[in-house]
Amino acid sequence: MDEIKPIEIKKVKKHEPLESTISTKIIRYLNAIPGCKAVKRHQGGANNRGDADIFGCINSRHFEFEVKRRNKKLTPLQLTKQKEWEIVGSIVGRVESIDDIKSIFRMHKIYI
Protein backbone atom coordinates (compact mmCIF):
# COMPACT_ATOMS: atom_id res chain seq x y z
CA MET A 1 0.00 0.00 0.00
CA ASP A 2 1.30 3.49 -0.89
CA GLU A 3 2.14 5.95 1.83
CA ILE A 4 -0.31 8.85 2.11
CA LYS A 5 1.43 12.20 1.93
CA PRO A 6 -0.05 15.28 3.59
CA ILE A 7 -1.33 17.98 1.26
CA GLU A 8 0.66 21.20 1.33
CA ILE A 9 -1.48 24.24 1.95
CA LYS A 10 -0.03 27.39 0.49
CA LYS A 11 -0.65 30.64 2.24
CA VAL A 12 -2.42 33.10 0.02
CA LYS A 13 -0.93 36.57 0.19
CA LYS A 14 -3.42 39.32 0.75
CA HIS A 15 -3.53 41.69 -2.15
CA GLU A 16 -2.08 45.02 -1.16
CA PRO A 17 -3.49 48.02 -2.96
CA LEU A 18 -1.25 49.93 -5.33
CA GLU A 19 0.05 53.35 -4.34
CA SER A 20 -2.14 54.90 -7.03
CA THR A 21 -5.25 53.31 -5.47
CA ILE A 22 -4.27 54.55 -2.01
CA SER A 23 -3.58 58.05 -3.41
CA THR A 24 -6.97 58.22 -5.11
CA LYS A 25 -8.80 57.28 -1.88
CA ILE A 26 -6.79 59.81 0.14
CA ILE A 27 -7.39 62.63 -2.34
CA ARG A 28 -11.14 61.93 -2.42
CA TYR A 29 -11.19 61.96 1.36
CA LEU A 30 -9.19 65.18 1.68
CA ASN A 31 -11.23 67.03 -0.95
CA ALA A 32 -14.44 66.14 0.94
CA ILE A 33 -13.19 68.02 4.01
CA PRO A 34 -14.40 71.65 4.20
CA GLY A 35 -11.42 74.01 3.94
CA CYS A 36 -9.18 71.43 2.26
CA LYS A 37 -7.86 71.05 -1.29
CA ALA A 38 -5.59 68.16 -2.32
CA VAL A 39 -3.94 67.37 -5.65
CA LYS A 40 -2.05 64.37 -7.01
CA ARG A 41 1.38 65.44 -8.22
CA HIS A 42 2.17 63.73 -11.49
CA GLN A 43 5.77 62.58 -11.49
CA GLY A 44 7.80 63.08 -14.59
CA GLY A 45 11.09 64.59 -15.55
CA ALA A 46 13.98 65.61 -13.38
CA ASN A 47 12.33 68.76 -12.04
CA ASN A 48 10.11 67.08 -9.49
CA ARG A 49 12.07 63.98 -8.51
CA GLY A 50 11.56 63.26 -4.83
CA ASP A 51 8.51 65.51 -4.51
CA ALA A 52 5.59 64.09 -2.55
CA ASP A 53 2.70 62.33 -4.30
CA ILE A 54 -0.02 64.51 -2.78
CA PHE A 55 0.10 68.19 -1.93
CA GLY A 56 -2.48 70.69 -0.85
CA CYS A 57 -3.77 72.98 1.83
CA ILE A 58 -6.05 72.56 4.82
CA ASN A 59 -7.20 75.54 6.87
CA SER A 60 -4.38 77.67 5.40
CA ARG A 61 -1.72 75.02 6.16
CA HIS A 62 0.27 73.53 3.29
CA PHE A 63 0.86 69.77 3.30
CA GLU A 64 3.00 67.28 1.37
CA PHE A 65 2.26 63.54 1.72
CA GLU A 66 4.29 60.71 0.22
CA VAL A 67 2.13 57.63 -0.34
CA LYS A 68 3.83 54.29 0.25
CA ARG A 69 2.72 50.69 0.46
CA ARG A 70 3.19 48.87 3.72
CA ASN A 71 6.86 48.26 4.64
CA LYS A 72 8.16 50.57 1.91
CA LYS A 73 10.50 53.35 2.99
CA LEU A 74 11.07 56.86 1.71
CA THR A 75 14.08 57.29 -0.53
CA PRO A 76 16.89 59.57 0.69
CA LEU A 77 15.76 62.20 -1.85
CA GLN A 78 12.16 61.99 -0.62
CA LEU A 79 13.36 62.40 2.97
CA THR A 80 15.36 65.47 1.97
CA LYS A 81 12.40 67.06 0.16
CA GLN A 82 10.08 66.38 3.11
CA LYS A 83 12.58 67.99 5.49
CA GLU A 84 12.80 71.06 3.23
CA TRP A 85 9.02 71.49 3.34
CA GLU A 86 8.88 70.83 7.09
CA ILE A 87 11.52 73.50 7.78
CA VAL A 88 9.32 76.15 6.14
CA GLY A 89 6.26 75.14 8.15
CA SER A 90 4.47 72.59 5.97
CA ILE A 91 2.80 69.48 7.28
CA VAL A 92 4.63 66.47 5.84
CA GLY A 93 4.49 62.73 6.16
CA ARG A 94 4.72 59.25 4.74
CA VAL A 95 1.22 57.79 4.54
CA GLU A 96 -0.32 54.41 3.82
CA SER A 97 -3.95 55.22 4.60
CA ILE A 98 -6.55 57.79 5.53
CA ASP A 99 -5.90 56.91 9.19
CA ASP A 100 -2.27 58.04 8.71
CA ILE A 101 -3.55 61.37 7.35
CA LYS A 102 -5.83 61.85 10.36
CA SER A 103 -2.99 61.03 12.74
CA ILE A 104 -0.59 63.49 11.10
CA PHE A 105 -3.20 66.25 11.15
CA ARG A 106 -3.94 65.57 14.83
CA MET A 107 -0.22 65.99 15.61
CA HIS A 108 -0.57 69.46 14.06
CA LYS A 109 -3.76 70.20 15.99
CA ILE A 110 -5.97 69.90 12.93
CA TYR A 111 -9.01 67.86 13.84
CA ILE A 112 -11.12 66.48 11.03
C-alpha atoms as a PDB file:
ATOM      1  CA  MET A   1       0.000   0.000   0.000  1.00  0.00           C
ATOM      2  CA  ASP A   2       1.304   3.488  -0.889  1.00  0.00           C
ATOM      3  CA  GLU A   3       2.140   5.946   1.830  1.00  0.00           C
ATOM      4  CA  ILE A   4      -0.307   8.849   2.106  1.00  0.00           C
ATOM      5  CA  LYS A   5       1.430  12.202   1.933  1.00  0.00           C
ATOM      6  CA  PRO A   6      -0.052  15.281   3.586  1.00  0.00           C
ATOM      7  CA  ILE A   7      -1.329  17.980   1.264  1.00  0.00           C
ATOM      8  CA  GLU A   8       0.655  21.200   1.330  1.00  0.00           C
ATOM      9  CA  ILE A   9      -1.479  24.244   1.954  1.00  0.00           C
ATOM     10  CA  LYS A  10      -0.026  27.391   0.490  1.00  0.00           C
ATOM     11  CA  LYS A  11      -0.649  30.644   2.242  1.00  0.00           C
ATOM     12  CA  VAL A  12      -2.420  33.099   0.022  1.00  0.00           C
ATOM     13  CA  LYS A  13      -0.929  36.569   0.185  1.00  0.00           C
ATOM     14  CA  LYS A  14      -3.424  39.323   0.749  1.00  0.00           C
ATOM     15  CA  HIS A  15      -3.529  41.691  -2.155  1.00  0.00           C
ATOM     16  CA  GLU A  16      -2.078  45.024  -1.156  1.00  0.00           C
ATOM     17  CA  PRO A  17      -3.493  48.023  -2.960  1.00  0.00           C
ATOM     18  CA  LEU A  18      -1.254  49.935  -5.334  1.00  0.00           C
ATOM     19  CA  GLU A  19       0.048  53.351  -4.341  1.00  0.00           C
ATOM     20  CA  SER A  20      -2.143  54.902  -7.029  1.00  0.00           C
ATOM     21  CA  THR A  21      -5.246  53.313  -5.472  1.00  0.00           C
ATOM     22  CA  ILE A  22      -4.269  54.550  -2.011  1.00  0.00           C
ATOM     23  CA  SER A  23      -3.580  58.050  -3.407  1.00  0.00           C
ATOM     24  CA  THR A  24      -6.972  58.216  -5.108  1.00  0.00           C
ATOM     25  CA  LYS A  25      -8.801  57.284  -1.880  1.00  0.00           C
ATOM     26  CA  ILE A  26      -6.794  59.809   0.140  1.00  0.00           C
ATOM     27  CA  ILE A  27      -7.391  62.634  -2.343  1.00  0.00           C
ATOM     28  CA  ARG A  28     -11.139  61.935  -2.423  1.00  0.00           C
ATOM     29  CA  TYR A  29     -11.191  61.957   1.357  1.00  0.00           C
ATOM     30  CA  LEU A  30      -9.188  65.178   1.677  1.00  0.00           C
ATOM     31  CA  ASN A  31     -11.227  67.032  -0.946  1.00  0.00           C
ATOM     32  CA  ALA A  32     -14.438  66.141   0.938  1.00  0.00           C
ATOM     33  CA  ILE A  33     -13.195  68.021   4.012  1.00  0.00           C
ATOM     34  CA  PRO A  34     -14.399  71.647   4.198  1.00  0.00           C
ATOM     35  CA  GLY A  35     -11.421  74.009   3.936  1.00  0.00           C
ATOM     36  CA  CYS A  36      -9.176  71.428   2.257  1.00  0.00           C
ATOM     37  CA  LYS A  37      -7.856  71.048  -1.286  1.00  0.00           C
ATOM     38  CA  ALA A  38      -5.587  68.160  -2.319  1.00  0.00           C
ATOM     39  CA  VAL A  39      -3.942  67.373  -5.648  1.00  0.00           C
ATOM     40  CA  LYS A  40      -2.048  64.369  -7.007  1.00  0.00           C
ATOM     41  CA  ARG A  41       1.380  65.435  -8.225  1.00  0.00           C
ATOM     42  CA  HIS A  42       2.171  63.728 -11.494  1.00  0.00           C
ATOM     43  CA  GLN A  43       5.765  62.579 -11.488  1.00  0.00           C
ATOM     44  CA  GLY A  44       7.804  63.079 -14.592  1.00  0.00           C
ATOM     45  CA  GLY A  45      11.090  64.589 -15.552  1.00  0.00           C
ATOM     46  CA  ALA A  46      13.978  65.607 -13.382  1.00  0.00           C
ATOM     47  CA  ASN A  47      12.326  68.765 -12.044  1.00  0.00           C
ATOM     48  CA  ASN A  48      10.110  67.075  -9.494  1.00  0.00           C
ATOM     49  CA  ARG A  49      12.072  63.979  -8.509  1.00  0.00           C
ATOM     50  CA  GLY A  50      11.556  63.255  -4.834  1.00  0.00           C
ATOM     51  CA  ASP A  51       8.508  65.513  -4.513  1.00  0.00           C
ATOM     52  CA  ALA A  52       5.595  64.088  -2.552  1.00  0.00           C
ATOM     53  CA  ASP A  53       2.705  62.326  -4.295  1.00  0.00           C
ATOM     54  CA  ILE A  54      -0.024  64.507  -2.777  1.00  0.00           C
ATOM     55  CA  PHE A  55       0.102  68.186  -1.926  1.00  0.00           C
ATOM     56  CA  GLY A  56      -2.482  70.694  -0.851  1.00  0.00           C
ATOM     57  CA  CYS A  57      -3.767  72.976   1.828  1.00  0.00           C
ATOM     58  CA  ILE A  58      -6.048  72.558   4.824  1.00  0.00           C
ATOM     59  CA  ASN A  59      -7.202  75.539   6.871  1.00  0.00           C
ATOM     60  CA  SER A  60      -4.379  77.668   5.396  1.00  0.00           C
ATOM     61  CA  ARG A  61      -1.721  75.016   6.157  1.00  0.00           C
ATOM     62  CA  HIS A  62       0.269  73.530   3.286  1.00  0.00           C
ATOM     63  CA  PHE A  63       0.855  69.768   3.303  1.00  0.00           C
ATOM     64  CA  GLU A  64       3.004  67.282   1.368  1.00  0.00           C
ATOM     65  CA  PHE A  65       2.257  63.544   1.716  1.00  0.00           C
ATOM     66  CA  GLU A  66       4.287  60.713   0.218  1.00  0.00           C
ATOM     67  CA  VAL A  67       2.130  57.627  -0.342  1.00  0.00           C
ATOM     68  CA  LYS A  68       3.831  54.286   0.251  1.00  0.00           C
ATOM     69  CA  ARG A  69       2.720  50.691   0.457  1.00  0.00           C
ATOM     70  CA  ARG A  70       3.194  48.867   3.724  1.00  0.00           C
ATOM     71  CA  ASN A  71       6.860  48.256   4.645  1.00  0.00           C
ATOM     72  CA  LYS A  72       8.161  50.567   1.908  1.00  0.00           C
ATOM     73  CA  LYS A  73      10.502  53.351   2.988  1.00  0.00           C
ATOM     74  CA  LEU A  74      11.066  56.857   1.712  1.00  0.00           C
ATOM     75  CA  THR A  75      14.077  57.292  -0.532  1.00  0.00           C
ATOM     76  CA  PRO A  76      16.887  59.566   0.685  1.00  0.00           C
ATOM     77  CA  LEU A  77      15.757  62.202  -1.848  1.00  0.00           C
ATOM     78  CA  GLN A  78      12.161  61.992  -0.623  1.00  0.00           C
ATOM     79  CA  LEU A  79      13.356  62.396   2.974  1.00  0.00           C
ATOM     80  CA  THR A  80      15.365  65.468   1.972  1.00  0.00           C
ATOM     81  CA  LYS A  81      12.397  67.057   0.164  1.00  0.00           C
ATOM     82  CA  GLN A  82      10.079  66.379   3.106  1.00  0.00           C
ATOM     83  CA  LYS A  83      12.576  67.989   5.485  1.00  0.00           C
ATOM     84  CA  GLU A  84      12.800  71.065   3.235  1.00  0.00           C
ATOM     85  CA  TRP A  85       9.017  71.487   3.339  1.00  0.00           C
ATOM     86  CA  GLU A  86       8.880  70.830   7.085  1.00  0.00           C
ATOM     87  CA  ILE A  87      11.517  73.502   7.777  1.00  0.00           C
ATOM     88  CA  VAL A  88       9.322  76.154   6.143  1.00  0.00           C
ATOM     89  CA  GLY A  89       6.255  75.138   8.148  1.00  0.00           C
ATOM     90  CA  SER A  90       4.475  72.589   5.969  1.00  0.00           C
ATOM     91  CA  ILE A  91       2.801  69.480   7.275  1.00  0.00           C
ATOM     92  CA  VAL A  92       4.627  66.471   5.843  1.00  0.00           C
ATOM     93  CA  GLY A  93       4.488  62.727   6.164  1.00  0.00           C
ATOM     94  CA  ARG A  94       4.717  59.247   4.736  1.00  0.00           C
ATOM     95  CA  VAL A  95       1.222  57.789   4.537  1.00  0.00           C
ATOM     96  CA  GLU A  96      -0.324  54.410   3.815  1.00  0.00           C
ATOM     97  CA  SER A  97      -3.947  55.218   4.597  1.00  0.00           C
ATOM     98  CA  ILE A  98      -6.548  57.789   5.529  1.00  0.00           C
ATOM     99  CA  ASP A  99      -5.899  56.913   9.191  1.00  0.00           C
ATOM    100  CA  ASP A 100      -2.273  58.045   8.715  1.00  0.00           C
ATOM    101  CA  ILE A 101      -3.550  61.373   7.347  1.00  0.00           C
ATOM    102  CA  LYS A 102      -5.827  61.846  10.359  1.00  0.00           C
ATOM    103  CA  SER A 103      -2.989  61.028  12.736  1.00  0.00           C
ATOM    104  CA  ILE A 104      -0.589  63.487  11.101  1.00  0.00           C
ATOM    105  CA  PHE A 105      -3.203  66.250  11.145  1.00  0.00           C
ATOM    106  CA  ARG A 106      -3.945  65.572  14.832  1.00  0.00           C
ATOM    107  CA  MET A 107      -0.222  65.995  15.608  1.00  0.00           C
ATOM    108  CA  HIS A 108      -0.566  69.465  14.056  1.00  0.00           C
ATOM    109  CA  LYS A 109      -3.761  70.197  15.990  1.00  0.00           C
ATOM    110  CA  ILE A 110      -5.972  69.903  12.926  1.00  0.00           C
ATOM    111  CA  TYR A 111      -9.010  67.862  13.840  1.00  0.00           C
ATOM    112  CA  ILE A 112     -11.124  66.480  11.034  1.00  0.00           C
END
